[in-house]
Amino acid sequence: MMLNPKEELKHRTLVEFIHKYLEEADSFARTKTGALTTHIASLEISEKNIYSLTRQDFSENVISLRKGEPLKGVDGVASTTTLKDMSYIKVVVVYAEYVWLVKPFTMQNHTHT
């Protein structure tokens, strides 16, 4: 039972935000669009509820990408790749905050740079 029945449960994924962002925003270089649609959208973090993401989720994502999955033949990526991924995610989140007026996750869970 919800304490406030009027409170709507929010559940959207990062991948949903990415697709909406790409539909609305201007054209981007193929690199950015490709990174968002094929790489970042395929990550486990993209399927999680964006309203409940934490620093821990982002840390685990970066560590996982850096290590890769040797048993599956997936090499780890360079730190520059993870930095680029995080900057693309930040672009989507900032766009959501300022254009759609939604706050994907609380300020206590992240900081703006």
PDB file of N, CA and C in Angstrom:
ATOM      1  N   MET A   1       0.842  -1.179   0.000  1.00  0.00           N
ATOM      2  CA  MET A   1       0.000   0.000   0.000  1.00  0.00           C
ATOM      3  C   MET A   1       0.891   1.248   0.000  1.00  0.00           C
ATOM      4  N   MET A   2       0.554   2.175  -0.873  1.00  0.00           N
ATOM      5  CA  MET A   2       1.323   3.416  -0.951  1.00  0.00           C
ATOM      6  C   MET A   2       0.823   4.394   0.098  1.00  0.00           C
ATOM      7  N   LEU A   3       1.746   5.115   0.697  1.00  0.00           N
ATOM      8  CA  LEU A   3       1.365   6.115   1.684  1.00  0.00           C
ATOM      9  C   LEU A   3       0.628   7.279   1.038  1.00  0.00           C
ATOM     10  N   ASN A   4       1.013   7.635  -0.161  1.00  0.00           N
ATOM     11  CA  ASN A   4       0.366   8.717  -0.884  1.00  0.00           C
ATOM     12  C   ASN A   4      -0.154   8.160  -2.202  1.00  0.00           C
ATOM     13  N   PRO A   5      -1.443   7.784  -2.261  1.00  0.00           N
ATOM     14  CA  PRO A   5      -1.974   7.155  -3.471  1.00  0.00           C
ATOM     15  C   PRO A   5      -1.916   8.049  -4.703  1.00  0.00           C
ATOM     16  N   LYS A   6      -1.796   9.363  -4.503  1.00  0.00           N
ATOM     17  CA  LYS A   6      -1.719  10.284  -5.633  1.00  0.00           C
ATOM     18  C   LYS A   6      -0.327  10.306  -6.258  1.00  0.00           C
ATOM     19  N   GLU A   7       0.644   9.821  -5.509  1.00  0.00           N
ATOM     20  CA  GLU A   7       2.024   9.806  -6.010  1.00  0.00           C
ATOM     21  C   GLU A   7       2.161   8.724  -7.079  1.00  0.00           C
ATOM     22  N   GLU A   8       2.486   9.149  -8.269  1.00  0.00           N
ATOM     23  CA  GLU A   8       2.662   8.206  -9.366  1.00  0.00           C
ATOM     24  C   GLU A   8       4.046   7.581  -9.280  1.00  0.00           C
ATOM     25  N   LEU A   9       4.084   6.287  -9.403  1.00  0.00           N
ATOM     26  CA  LEU A   9       5.366   5.592  -9.415  1.00  0.00           C
ATOM     27  C   LEU A   9       6.069   5.895 -10.720  1.00  0.00           C
ATOM     28  N   LYS A  10       7.287   6.356 -10.618  1.00  0.00           N
ATOM     29  CA  LYS A  10       8.051   6.711 -11.807  1.00  0.00           C
ATOM     30  C   LYS A  10       8.965   5.556 -12.171  1.00  0.00           C
ATOM     31  N   HIS A  11       8.908   5.185 -13.428  1.00  0.00           N
ATOM     32  CA  HIS A  11       9.842   4.174 -13.911  1.00  0.00           C
ATOM     33  C   HIS A  11      10.124   4.428 -15.379  1.00  0.00           C
ATOM     34  N   ARG A  12      11.313   4.864 -15.654  1.00  0.00           N
ATOM     35  CA  ARG A  12      11.813   5.054 -17.009  1.00  0.00           C
ATOM     36  C   ARG A  12      13.265   4.583 -16.999  1.00  0.00           C
ATOM     37  N   THR A  13      13.694   4.087 -18.118  1.00  0.00           N
ATOM     38  CA  THR A  13      15.073   3.619 -18.204  1.00  0.00           C
ATOM     39  C   THR A  13      15.924   4.633 -18.956  1.00  0.00           C
ATOM     40  N   LEU A  14      17.218   4.523 -18.774  1.00  0.00           N
ATOM     41  CA  LEU A  14      18.148   5.384 -19.492  1.00  0.00           C
ATOM     42  C   LEU A  14      17.987   5.194 -20.995  1.00  0.00           C
ATOM     43  N   VAL A  15      17.754   3.967 -21.429  1.00  0.00           N
ATOM     44  CA  VAL A  15      17.597   3.710 -22.863  1.00  0.00           C
ATOM     45  C   VAL A  15      16.361   4.436 -23.411  1.00  0.00           C
ATOM     46  N   GLU A  16      15.292   4.529 -22.620  1.00  0.00           N
ATOM     47  CA  GLU A  16      14.114   5.295 -23.050  1.00  0.00           C
ATOM     48  C   GLU A  16      14.471   6.777 -23.192  1.00  0.00           C
ATOM     49  N   PHE A  17      15.222   7.295 -22.240  1.00  0.00           N
ATOM     50  CA  PHE A  17      15.657   8.690 -22.298  1.00  0.00           C
ATOM     51  C   PHE A  17      16.556   8.918 -23.521  1.00  0.00           C
ATOM     52  N   ILE A  18      17.439   7.980 -23.798  1.00  0.00           N
ATOM     53  CA  ILE A  18      18.341   8.110 -24.948  1.00  0.00           C
ATOM     54  C   ILE A  18      17.546   8.199 -26.244  1.00  0.00           C
ATOM     55  N   HIS A  19      16.581   7.292 -26.420  1.00  0.00           N
ATOM     56  CA  HIS A  19      15.795   7.294 -27.657  1.00  0.00           C
ATOM     57  C   HIS A  19      14.984   8.579 -27.813  1.00  0.00           C
ATOM     58  N   LYS A  20      14.393   9.045 -26.727  1.00  0.00           N
ATOM     59  CA  LYS A  20      13.619  10.291 -26.787  1.00  0.00           C
ATOM     60  C   LYS A  20      14.541  11.476 -27.094  1.00  0.00           C
ATOM     61  N   TYR A  21      15.689  11.489 -26.467  1.00  0.00           N
ATOM     62  CA  TYR A  21      16.677  12.551 -26.694  1.00  0.00           C
ATOM     63  C   TYR A  21      17.088  12.593 -28.162  1.00  0.00           C
ATOM     64  N   LEU A  22      17.379  11.445 -28.738  1.00  0.00           N
ATOM     65  CA  LEU A  22      17.806  11.396 -30.139  1.00  0.00           C
ATOM     66  C   LEU A  22      16.689  11.794 -31.100  1.00  0.00           C
ATOM     67  N   GLU A  23      15.435  11.530 -30.718  1.00  0.00           N
ATOM     68  CA  GLU A  23      14.298  11.945 -31.543  1.00  0.00           C
ATOM     69  C   GLU A  23      14.139  13.460 -31.553  1.00  0.00           C
ATOM     70  N   GLU A  24      14.392  14.099 -30.419  1.00  0.00           N
ATOM     71  CA  GLU A  24      14.117  15.524 -30.267  1.00  0.00           C
ATOM     72  C   GLU A  24      15.297  16.431 -30.576  1.00  0.00           C
ATOM     73  N   ALA A  25      16.467  16.008 -30.227  1.00  0.00           N
ATOM     74  CA  ALA A  25      17.639  16.883 -30.340  1.00  0.00           C
ATOM     75  C   ALA A  25      18.129  16.952 -31.786  1.00  0.00           C
ATOM     76  N   ASP A  26      18.992  17.905 -32.032  1.00  0.00           N
ATOM     77  CA  ASP A  26      19.560  18.083 -33.371  1.00  0.00           C
ATOM     78  C   ASP A  26      20.388  16.878 -33.782  1.00  0.00           C
ATOM     79  N   SER A  27      20.758  16.857 -35.044  1.00  0.00           N
ATOM     80  CA  SER A  27      21.611  15.777 -35.564  1.00  0.00           C
ATOM     81  C   SER A  27      22.982  15.828 -34.897  1.00  0.00           C
ATOM     82  N   PHE A  28      23.552  14.672 -34.699  1.00  0.00           N
ATOM     83  CA  PHE A  28      24.861  14.575 -34.072  1.00  0.00           C
ATOM     84  C   PHE A  28      25.806  13.850 -35.004  1.00  0.00           C
ATOM     85  N   ALA A  29      27.037  13.946 -34.694  1.00  0.00           N
ATOM     86  CA  ALA A  29      28.029  13.171 -35.433  1.00  0.00           C
ATOM     87  C   ALA A  29      27.709  11.690 -35.266  1.00  0.00           C
ATOM     88  N   ARG A  30      28.055  10.910 -36.239  1.00  0.00           N
ATOM     89  CA  ARG A  30      27.769   9.472 -36.185  1.00  0.00           C
ATOM     90  C   ARG A  30      28.356   8.819 -34.942  1.00  0.00           C
ATOM     91  N   THR A  31      29.500   9.301 -34.504  1.00  0.00           N
ATOM     92  CA  THR A  31      30.154   8.714 -33.335  1.00  0.00           C
ATOM     93  C   THR A  31      29.267   8.809 -32.106  1.00  0.00           C
ATOM     94  N   LYS A  32      28.705   9.997 -31.843  1.00  0.00           N
ATOM     95  CA  LYS A  32      27.877  10.189 -30.653  1.00  0.00           C
ATOM     96  C   LYS A  32      26.581   9.398 -30.765  1.00  0.00           C
ATOM     97  N   THR A  33      25.916   9.478 -31.913  1.00  0.00           N
ATOM     98  CA  THR A  33      24.669   8.742 -32.105  1.00  0.00           C
ATOM     99  C   THR A  33      24.915   7.247 -31.986  1.00  0.00           C
ATOM    100  N   GLY A  34      25.979   6.765 -32.600  1.00  0.00           N
ATOM    101  CA  GLY A  34      26.309   5.347 -32.522  1.00  0.00           C
ATOM    102  C   GLY A  34      26.625   4.902 -31.111  1.00  0.00           C
ATOM    103  N   ALA A  35      27.375   5.722 -30.402  1.00  0.00           N
ATOM    104  CA  ALA A  35      27.715   5.391 -29.013  1.00  0.00           C
ATOM    105  C   ALA A  35      26.457   5.302 -28.160  1.00  0.00           C
ATOM    106  N   LEU A  36      25.530   6.240 -28.351  1.00  0.00           N
ATOM    107  CA  LEU A  36      24.304   6.237 -27.558  1.00  0.00           C
ATOM    108  C   LEU A  36      23.390   5.070 -27.927  1.00  0.00           C
ATOM    109  N   THR A  37      23.196   4.826 -29.220  1.00  0.00           N
ATOM    110  CA  THR A  37      22.217   3.822 -29.640  1.00  0.00           C
ATOM    111  C   THR A  37      22.725   2.391 -29.591  1.00  0.00           C
ATOM    112  N   THR A  38      23.966   2.170 -29.954  1.00  0.00           N
ATOM    113  CA  THR A  38      24.435   0.784 -30.000  1.00  0.00           C
ATOM    114  C   THR A  38      25.243   0.371 -28.781  1.00  0.00           C
ATOM    115  N   HIS A  39      26.037   1.271 -28.252  1.00  0.00           N
ATOM    116  CA  HIS A  39      26.887   0.895 -27.117  1.00  0.00           C
ATOM    117  C   HIS A  39      26.202   1.166 -25.778  1.00  0.00           C
ATOM    118  N   ILE A  40      25.945   2.417 -25.471  1.00  0.00           N
ATOM    119  CA  ILE A  40      25.405   2.782 -24.157  1.00  0.00           C
ATOM    120  C   ILE A  40      24.023   2.177 -23.939  1.00  0.00           C
ATOM    121  N   ALA A  41      23.187   2.186 -24.966  1.00  0.00           N
ATOM    122  CA  ALA A  41      21.840   1.623 -24.832  1.00  0.00           C
ATOM    123  C   ALA A  41      21.864   0.122 -24.569  1.00  0.00           C
ATOM    124  N   SER A  42      22.978  -0.543 -24.870  1.00  0.00           N
ATOM    125  CA  SER A  42      23.067  -1.988 -24.654  1.00  0.00           C
ATOM    126  C   SER A  42      23.622  -2.354 -23.277  1.00  0.00           C
ATOM    127  N   LEU A  43      24.074  -1.373 -22.524  1.00  0.00           N
ATOM    128  CA  LEU A  43      24.657  -1.646 -21.210  1.00  0.00           C
ATOM    129  C   LEU A  43      23.580  -1.964 -20.180  1.00  0.00           C
ATOM    130  N   GLU A  44      23.956  -2.740 -19.183  1.00  0.00           N
ATOM    131  CA  GLU A  44      23.026  -3.119 -18.118  1.00  0.00           C
ATOM    132  C   GLU A  44      22.440  -1.893 -17.414  1.00  0.00           C
ATOM    133  N   ILE A  45      23.242  -0.863 -17.216  1.00  0.00           N
ATOM    134  CA  ILE A  45      22.784   0.339 -16.524  1.00  0.00           C
ATOM    135  C   ILE A  45      21.643   1.021 -17.282  1.00  0.00           C
ATOM    136  N   SER A  46      21.589   0.839 -18.595  1.00  0.00           N
ATOM    137  CA  SER A  46      20.553   1.477 -19.409  1.00  0.00           C
ATOM    138  C   SER A  46      19.172   0.888 -19.183  1.00  0.00           C
ATOM    139  N   GLU A  47      19.115  -0.308 -18.622  1.00  0.00           N
ATOM    140  CA  GLU A  47      17.833  -0.967 -18.363  1.00  0.00           C
ATOM    141  C   GLU A  47      17.303  -0.704 -16.955  1.00  0.00           C
ATOM    142  N   LYS A  48      18.101  -0.066 -16.130  1.00  0.00           N
ATOM    143  CA  LYS A  48      17.676   0.219 -14.756  1.00  0.00           C
ATOM    144  C   LYS A  48      16.773   1.444 -14.714  1.00  0.00           C
ATOM    145  N   ASN A  49      15.983   1.543 -13.657  1.00  0.00           N
ATOM    146  CA  ASN A  49      15.113   2.704 -13.462  1.00  0.00           C
ATOM    147  C   ASN A  49      15.980   3.940 -13.252  1.00  0.00           C
ATOM    148  N   ILE A  50      15.868   4.892 -14.153  1.00  0.00           N
ATOM    149  CA  ILE A  50      16.730   6.080 -14.104  1.00  0.00           C
ATOM    150  C   ILE A  50      16.459   6.935 -12.864  1.00  0.00           C
ATOM    151  N   TYR A  51      15.263   6.821 -12.302  1.00  0.00           N
ATOM    152  CA  TYR A  51      14.925   7.614 -11.120  1.00  0.00           C
ATOM    153  C   TYR A  51      15.568   7.067  -9.845  1.00  0.00           C
ATOM    154  N   SER A  52      16.109   5.862  -9.912  1.00  0.00           N
ATOM    155  CA  SER A  52      16.724   5.290  -8.710  1.00  0.00           C
ATOM    156  C   SER A  52      18.210   4.977  -8.889  1.00  0.00           C
ATOM    157  N   LEU A  53      18.813   5.440  -9.984  1.00  0.00           N
ATOM    158  CA  LEU A  53      20.248   5.216 -10.177  1.00  0.00           C
ATOM    159  C   LEU A  53      21.062   5.927  -9.101  1.00  0.00           C
ATOM    160  N   THR A  54      22.159   5.306  -8.722  1.00  0.00           N
ATOM    161  CA  THR A  54      23.033   5.866  -7.692  1.00  0.00           C
ATOM    162  C   THR A  54      24.462   5.960  -8.222  1.00  0.00           C
ATOM    163  N   ARG A  55      25.302   6.594  -7.450  1.00  0.00           N
ATOM    164  CA  ARG A  55      26.727   6.643  -7.796  1.00  0.00           C
ATOM    165  C   ARG A  55      27.295   5.240  -7.932  1.00  0.00           C
ATOM    166  N   GLN A  56      26.843   4.353  -7.059  1.00  0.00           N
ATOM    167  CA  GLN A  56      27.300   2.963  -7.089  1.00  0.00           C
ATOM    168  C   GLN A  56      27.003   2.321  -8.447  1.00  0.00           C
ATOM    169  N   ASP A  57      25.813   2.580  -9.003  1.00  0.00           N
ATOM    170  CA  ASP A  57      25.464   2.033 -10.320  1.00  0.00           C
ATOM    171  C   ASP A  57      26.449   2.503 -11.389  1.00  0.00           C
ATOM    172  N   PHE A  58      26.769   3.796 -11.360  1.00  0.00           N
ATOM    173  CA  PHE A  58      27.706   4.342 -12.344  1.00  0.00           C
ATOM    174  C   PHE A  58      29.115   3.794 -12.130  1.00  0.00           C
ATOM    175  N   SER A  59      29.526   3.663 -10.864  1.00  0.00           N
ATOM    176  CA  SER A  59      30.851   3.101 -10.559  1.00  0.00           C
ATOM    177  C   SER A  59      30.962   1.668 -11.053  1.00  0.00           C
ATOM    178  N   GLU A  60      29.949   0.868 -10.766  1.00  0.00           N
ATOM    179  CA  GLU A  60      29.951  -0.525 -11.201  1.00  0.00           C
ATOM    180  C   GLU A  60      29.974  -0.625 -12.723  1.00  0.00           C
ATOM    181  N   ASN A  61      29.250   0.270 -13.390  1.00  0.00           N
ATOM    182  CA  ASN A  61      29.228   0.289 -14.847  1.00  0.00           C
ATOM    183  C   ASN A  61      30.626   0.553 -15.407  1.00  0.00           C
ATOM    184  N   VAL A  62      31.298   1.549 -14.856  1.00  0.00           N
ATOM    185  CA  VAL A  62      32.642   1.900 -15.335  1.00  0.00           C
ATOM    186  C   VAL A  62      33.624   0.761 -15.070  1.00  0.00           C
ATOM    187  N   ILE A  63      33.586   0.198 -13.883  1.00  0.00           N
ATOM    188  CA  ILE A  63      34.492  -0.905 -13.540  1.00  0.00           C
ATOM    189  C   ILE A  63      34.255  -2.099 -14.465  1.00  0.00           C
ATOM    190  N   SER A  64      33.002  -2.423 -14.708  1.00  0.00           N
ATOM    191  CA  SER A  64      32.654  -3.535 -15.586  1.00  0.00           C
ATOM    192  C   SER A  64      33.161  -3.312 -17.008  1.00  0.00           C
ATOM    193  N   LEU A  65      32.992  -2.101 -17.511  1.00  0.00           N
ATOM    194  CA  LEU A  65      33.467  -1.783 -18.861  1.00  0.00           C
ATOM    195  C   LEU A  65      34.986  -1.877 -18.952  1.00  0.00           C
ATOM    196  N   ARG A  66      35.662  -1.394 -17.922  1.00  0.00           N
ATOM    197  CA  ARG A  66      37.134  -1.410 -17.926  1.00  0.00           C
ATOM    198  C   ARG A  66      37.669  -2.842 -17.890  1.00  0.00           C
ATOM    199  N   LYS A  67      37.027  -3.700 -17.093  1.00  0.00           N
ATOM    200  CA  LYS A  67      37.488  -5.086 -16.958  1.00  0.00           C
ATOM    201  C   LYS A  67      37.125  -5.933 -18.174  1.00  0.00           C
ATOM    202  N   GLY A  68      35.963  -5.661 -18.773  1.00  0.00           N
ATOM    203  CA  GLY A  68      35.477  -6.508 -19.854  1.00  0.00           C
ATOM    204  C   GLY A  68      34.937  -7.812 -19.296  1.00  0.00           C
ATOM    205  N   GLU A  69      34.720  -8.769 -20.169  1.00  0.00           N
ATOM    206  CA  GLU A  69      34.251 -10.092 -19.768  1.00  0.00           C
ATOM    207  C   GLU A  69      35.117 -11.133 -20.473  1.00  0.00           C
ATOM    208  N   PRO A  70      36.288 -11.418 -19.902  1.00  0.00           N
ATOM    209  CA  PRO A  70      37.242 -12.330 -20.549  1.00  0.00           C
ATOM    210  C   PRO A  70      36.651 -13.703 -20.895  1.00  0.00           C
ATOM    211  N   LEU A  71      35.770 -14.231 -20.050  1.00  0.00           N
ATOM    212  CA  LEU A  71      35.184 -15.547 -20.321  1.00  0.00           C
ATOM    213  C   LEU A  71      34.272 -15.527 -21.541  1.00  0.00           C
ATOM    214  N   LYS A  72      33.746 -14.353 -21.877  1.00  0.00           N
ATOM    215  CA  LYS A  72      32.885 -14.209 -23.058  1.00  0.00           C
ATOM    216  C   LYS A  72      33.661 -13.638 -24.242  1.00  0.00           C
ATOM    217  N   GLY A  73      34.960 -13.439 -24.050  1.00  0.00           N
ATOM    218  CA  GLY A  73      35.785 -12.899 -25.119  1.00  0.00           C
ATOM    219  C   GLY A  73      35.596 -11.410 -25.346  1.00  0.00           C
ATOM    220  N   VAL A  74      35.092 -10.710 -24.319  1.00  0.00           N
ATOM    221  CA  VAL A  74      34.867  -9.268 -24.427  1.00  0.00           C
ATOM    222  C   VAL A  74      36.006  -8.548 -23.715  1.00  0.00           C
ATOM    223  N   ASP A  75      36.771  -7.798 -24.484  1.00  0.00           N
ATOM    224  CA  ASP A  75      37.886  -7.044 -23.913  1.00  0.00           C
ATOM    225  C   ASP A  75      37.382  -5.831 -23.144  1.00  0.00           C
ATOM    226  N   GLY A  76      38.167  -5.416 -22.166  1.00  0.00           N
ATOM    227  CA  GLY A  76      37.871  -4.181 -21.455  1.00  0.00           C
ATOM    228  C   GLY A  76      38.145  -2.987 -22.358  1.00  0.00           C
ATOM    229  N   VAL A  77      37.587  -1.851 -21.999  1.00  0.00           N
ATOM    230  CA  VAL A  77      37.770  -0.640 -22.805  1.00  0.00           C
ATOM    231  C   VAL A  77      38.729   0.312 -22.103  1.00  0.00           C
ATOM    232  N   ALA A  78      39.242   1.255 -22.858  1.00  0.00           N
ATOM    233  CA  ALA A  78      40.159   2.257 -22.315  1.00  0.00           C
ATOM    234  C   ALA A  78      39.409   3.231 -21.418  1.00  0.00           C
ATOM    235  N   SER A  79      40.132   3.859 -20.516  1.00  0.00           N
ATOM    236  CA  SER A  79      39.505   4.835 -19.619  1.00  0.00           C
ATOM    237  C   SER A  79      38.899   5.991 -20.404  1.00  0.00           C
ATOM    238  N   THR A  80      39.481   6.329 -21.553  1.00  0.00           N
ATOM    239  CA  THR A  80      38.910   7.412 -22.370  1.00  0.00           C
ATOM    240  C   THR A  80      37.532   7.034 -22.905  1.00  0.00           C
ATOM    241  N   THR A  81      37.324   5.757 -23.181  1.00  0.00           N
ATOM    242  CA  THR A  81      36.015   5.295 -23.654  1.00  0.00           C
ATOM    243  C   THR A  81      34.972   5.433 -22.555  1.00  0.00           C
ATOM    244  N   THR A  82      35.323   5.025 -21.334  1.00  0.00           N
ATOM    245  CA  THR A  82      34.356   5.150 -20.242  1.00  0.00           C
ATOM    246  C   THR A  82      34.071   6.611 -19.935  1.00  0.00           C
ATOM    247  N   LEU A  83      35.073   7.454 -20.040  1.00  0.00           N
ATOM    248  CA  LEU A  83      34.870   8.888 -19.822  1.00  0.00           C
ATOM    249  C   LEU A  83      33.924   9.459 -20.874  1.00  0.00           C
ATOM    250  N   LYS A  84      34.107   9.061 -22.119  1.00  0.00           N
ATOM    251  CA  LYS A  84      33.234   9.515 -23.200  1.00  0.00           C
ATOM    252  C   LYS A  84      31.800   9.020 -22.965  1.00  0.00           C
ATOM    253  N   ASP A  85      31.652   7.752 -22.574  1.00  0.00           N
ATOM    254  CA  ASP A  85      30.325   7.202 -22.282  1.00  0.00           C
ATOM    255  C   ASP A  85      29.628   8.014 -21.199  1.00  0.00           C
ATOM    256  N   MET A  86      30.366   8.295 -20.126  1.00  0.00           N
ATOM    257  CA  MET A  86      29.773   9.048 -19.017  1.00  0.00           C
ATOM    258  C   MET A  86      29.386  10.459 -19.458  1.00  0.00           C
ATOM    259  N   SER A  87      30.186  11.074 -20.310  1.00  0.00           N
ATOM    260  CA  SER A  87      29.846  12.424 -20.774  1.00  0.00           C
ATOM    261  C   SER A  87      28.604  12.390 -21.656  1.00  0.00           C
ATOM    262  N   TYR A  88      28.430  11.348 -22.471  1.00  0.00           N
ATOM    263  CA  TYR A  88      27.223  11.225 -23.296  1.00  0.00           C
ATOM    264  C   TYR A  88      25.989  10.995 -22.425  1.00  0.00           C
ATOM    265  N   ILE A  89      26.137  10.176 -21.392  1.00  0.00           N
ATOM    266  CA  ILE A  89      25.022   9.956 -20.461  1.00  0.00           C
ATOM    267  C   ILE A  89      24.655  11.268 -19.784  1.00  0.00           C
ATOM    268  N   LYS A  90      25.668  12.032 -19.392  1.00  0.00           N
ATOM    269  CA  LYS A  90      25.416  13.317 -18.739  1.00  0.00           C
ATOM    270  C   LYS A  90      24.650  14.260 -19.666  1.00  0.00           C
ATOM    271  N   VAL A  91      24.988  14.270 -20.944  1.00  0.00           N
ATOM    272  CA  VAL A  91      24.279  15.117 -21.908  1.00  0.00           C
ATOM    273  C   VAL A  91      22.793  14.766 -21.924  1.00  0.00           C
ATOM    274  N   VAL A  92      22.478  13.487 -21.938  1.00  0.00           N
ATOM    275  CA  VAL A  92      21.080  13.045 -21.951  1.00  0.00           C
ATOM    276  C   VAL A  92      20.375  13.456 -20.661  1.00  0.00           C
ATOM    277  N   VAL A  93      21.029  13.267 -19.523  1.00  0.00           N
ATOM    278  CA  VAL A  93      20.441  13.607 -18.226  1.00  0.00           C
ATOM    279  C   VAL A  93      20.212  15.114 -18.099  1.00  0.00           C
ATOM    280  N   VAL A  94      21.186  15.913 -18.494  1.00  0.00           N
ATOM    281  CA  VAL A  94      21.040  17.375 -18.425  1.00  0.00           C
ATOM    282  C   VAL A  94      19.922  17.833 -19.356  1.00  0.00           C
ATOM    283  N   TYR A  95      19.843  17.255 -20.545  1.00  0.00           N
ATOM    284  CA  TYR A  95      18.762  17.574 -21.481  1.00  0.00           C
ATOM    285  C   TYR A  95      17.411  17.274 -20.830  1.00  0.00           C
ATOM    286  N   ALA A  96      17.304  16.112 -20.187  1.00  0.00           N
ATOM    287  CA  ALA A  96      16.058  15.730 -19.514  1.00  0.00           C
ATOM    288  C   ALA A  96      15.684  16.737 -18.436  1.00  0.00           C
ATOM    289  N   GLU A  97      16.669  17.172 -17.669  1.00  0.00           N
ATOM    290  CA  GLU A  97      16.403  18.127 -16.584  1.00  0.00           C
ATOM    291  C   GLU A  97      15.928  19.475 -17.104  1.00  0.00           C
ATOM    292  N   TYR A  98      16.561  19.972 -18.152  1.00  0.00           N
ATOM    293  CA  TYR A  98      16.263  21.325 -18.616  1.00  0.00           C
ATOM    294  C   TYR A  98      15.173  21.406 -19.670  1.00  0.00           C
ATOM    295  N   VAL A  99      15.007  20.382 -20.489  1.00  0.00           N
ATOM    296  CA  VAL A  99      13.999  20.434 -21.547  1.00  0.00           C
ATOM    297  C   VAL A  99      12.708  19.748 -21.122  1.00  0.00           C
ATOM    298  N   TRP A 100      12.803  18.575 -20.525  1.00  0.00           N
ATOM    299  CA  TRP A 100      11.608  17.854 -20.110  1.00  0.00           C
ATOM    300  C   TRP A 100      11.205  18.179 -18.676  1.00  0.00           C
ATOM    301  N   LEU A 101      12.043  18.925 -17.987  1.00  0.00           N
ATOM    302  CA  LEU A 101      11.806  19.313 -16.594  1.00  0.00           C
ATOM    303  C   LEU A 101      11.600  18.113 -15.679  1.00  0.00           C
ATOM    304  N   VAL A 102      12.407  17.090 -15.893  1.00  0.00           N
ATOM    305  CA  VAL A 102      12.396  15.924 -15.005  1.00  0.00           C
ATOM    306  C   VAL A 102      13.774  15.784 -14.392  1.00  0.00           C
ATOM    307  N   LYS A 103      13.801  15.277 -13.208  1.00  0.00           N
ATOM    308  CA  LYS A 103      15.073  15.052 -12.519  1.00  0.00           C
ATOM    309  C   LYS A 103      15.259  13.537 -12.428  1.00  0.00           C
ATOM    310  N   PRO A 104      16.066  12.975 -13.354  1.00  0.00           N
ATOM    311  CA  PRO A 104      16.210  11.529 -13.412  1.00  0.00           C
ATOM    312  C   PRO A 104      16.618  10.862 -12.104  1.00  0.00           C
ATOM    313  N   PHE A 105      17.558  11.423 -11.376  1.00  0.00           N
ATOM    314  CA  PHE A 105      17.912  10.871 -10.068  1.00  0.00           C
ATOM    315  C   PHE A 105      18.225  12.041  -9.160  1.00  0.00           C
ATOM    316  N   THR A 106      18.153  11.817  -7.860  1.00  0.00           N
ATOM    317  CA  THR A 106      18.250  12.918  -6.912  1.00  0.00           C
ATOM    318  C   THR A 106      19.648  13.494  -6.836  1.00  0.00           C
ATOM    319  N   MET A 107      19.717  14.759  -6.434  1.00  0.00           N
ATOM    320  CA  MET A 107      21.006  15.449  -6.320  1.00  0.00           C
ATOM    321  C   MET A 107      21.931  14.766  -5.323  1.00  0.00           C
ATOM    322  N   GLN A 108      21.391  14.110  -4.325  1.00  0.00           N
ATOM    323  CA  GLN A 108      22.252  13.452  -3.352  1.00  0.00           C
ATOM    324  C   GLN A 108      22.980  12.264  -3.983  1.00  0.00           C
ATOM    325  N   ASN A 109      22.486  11.786  -5.117  1.00  0.00           N
ATOM    326  CA  ASN A 109      23.122  10.658  -5.773  1.00  0.00           C
ATOM    327  C   ASN A 109      24.139  11.057  -6.826  1.00  0.00           C
ATOM    328  N   HIS A 110      24.188  12.331  -7.195  1.00  0.00           N
ATOM    329  CA  HIS A 110      25.177  12.762  -8.176  1.00  0.00           C
ATOM    330  C   HIS A 110      25.491  14.232  -7.996  1.00  0.00           C
ATOM    331  N   THR A 111      26.552  14.641  -8.612  1.00  0.00           N
ATOM    332  CA  THR A 111      26.919  16.051  -8.569  1.00  0.00           C
ATOM    333  C   THR A 111      27.112  16.548  -9.979  1.00  0.00           C
ATOM    334  N   HIS A 112      26.799  17.815 -10.202  1.00  0.00           N
ATOM    335  CA  HIS A 112      27.029  18.428 -11.506  1.00  0.00           C
ATOM    336  C   HIS A 112      28.438  18.982 -11.536  1.00  0.00           C
ATOM    337  N   THR A 113      29.083  18.856 -12.683  1.00  0.00           N
ATOM    338  CA  THR A 113      30.425  19.415 -12.823  1.00  0.00           C
ATOM    339  C   THR A 113      30.397  20.548 -13.808  1.00  0.00           C
TER     340      THR A 113
END
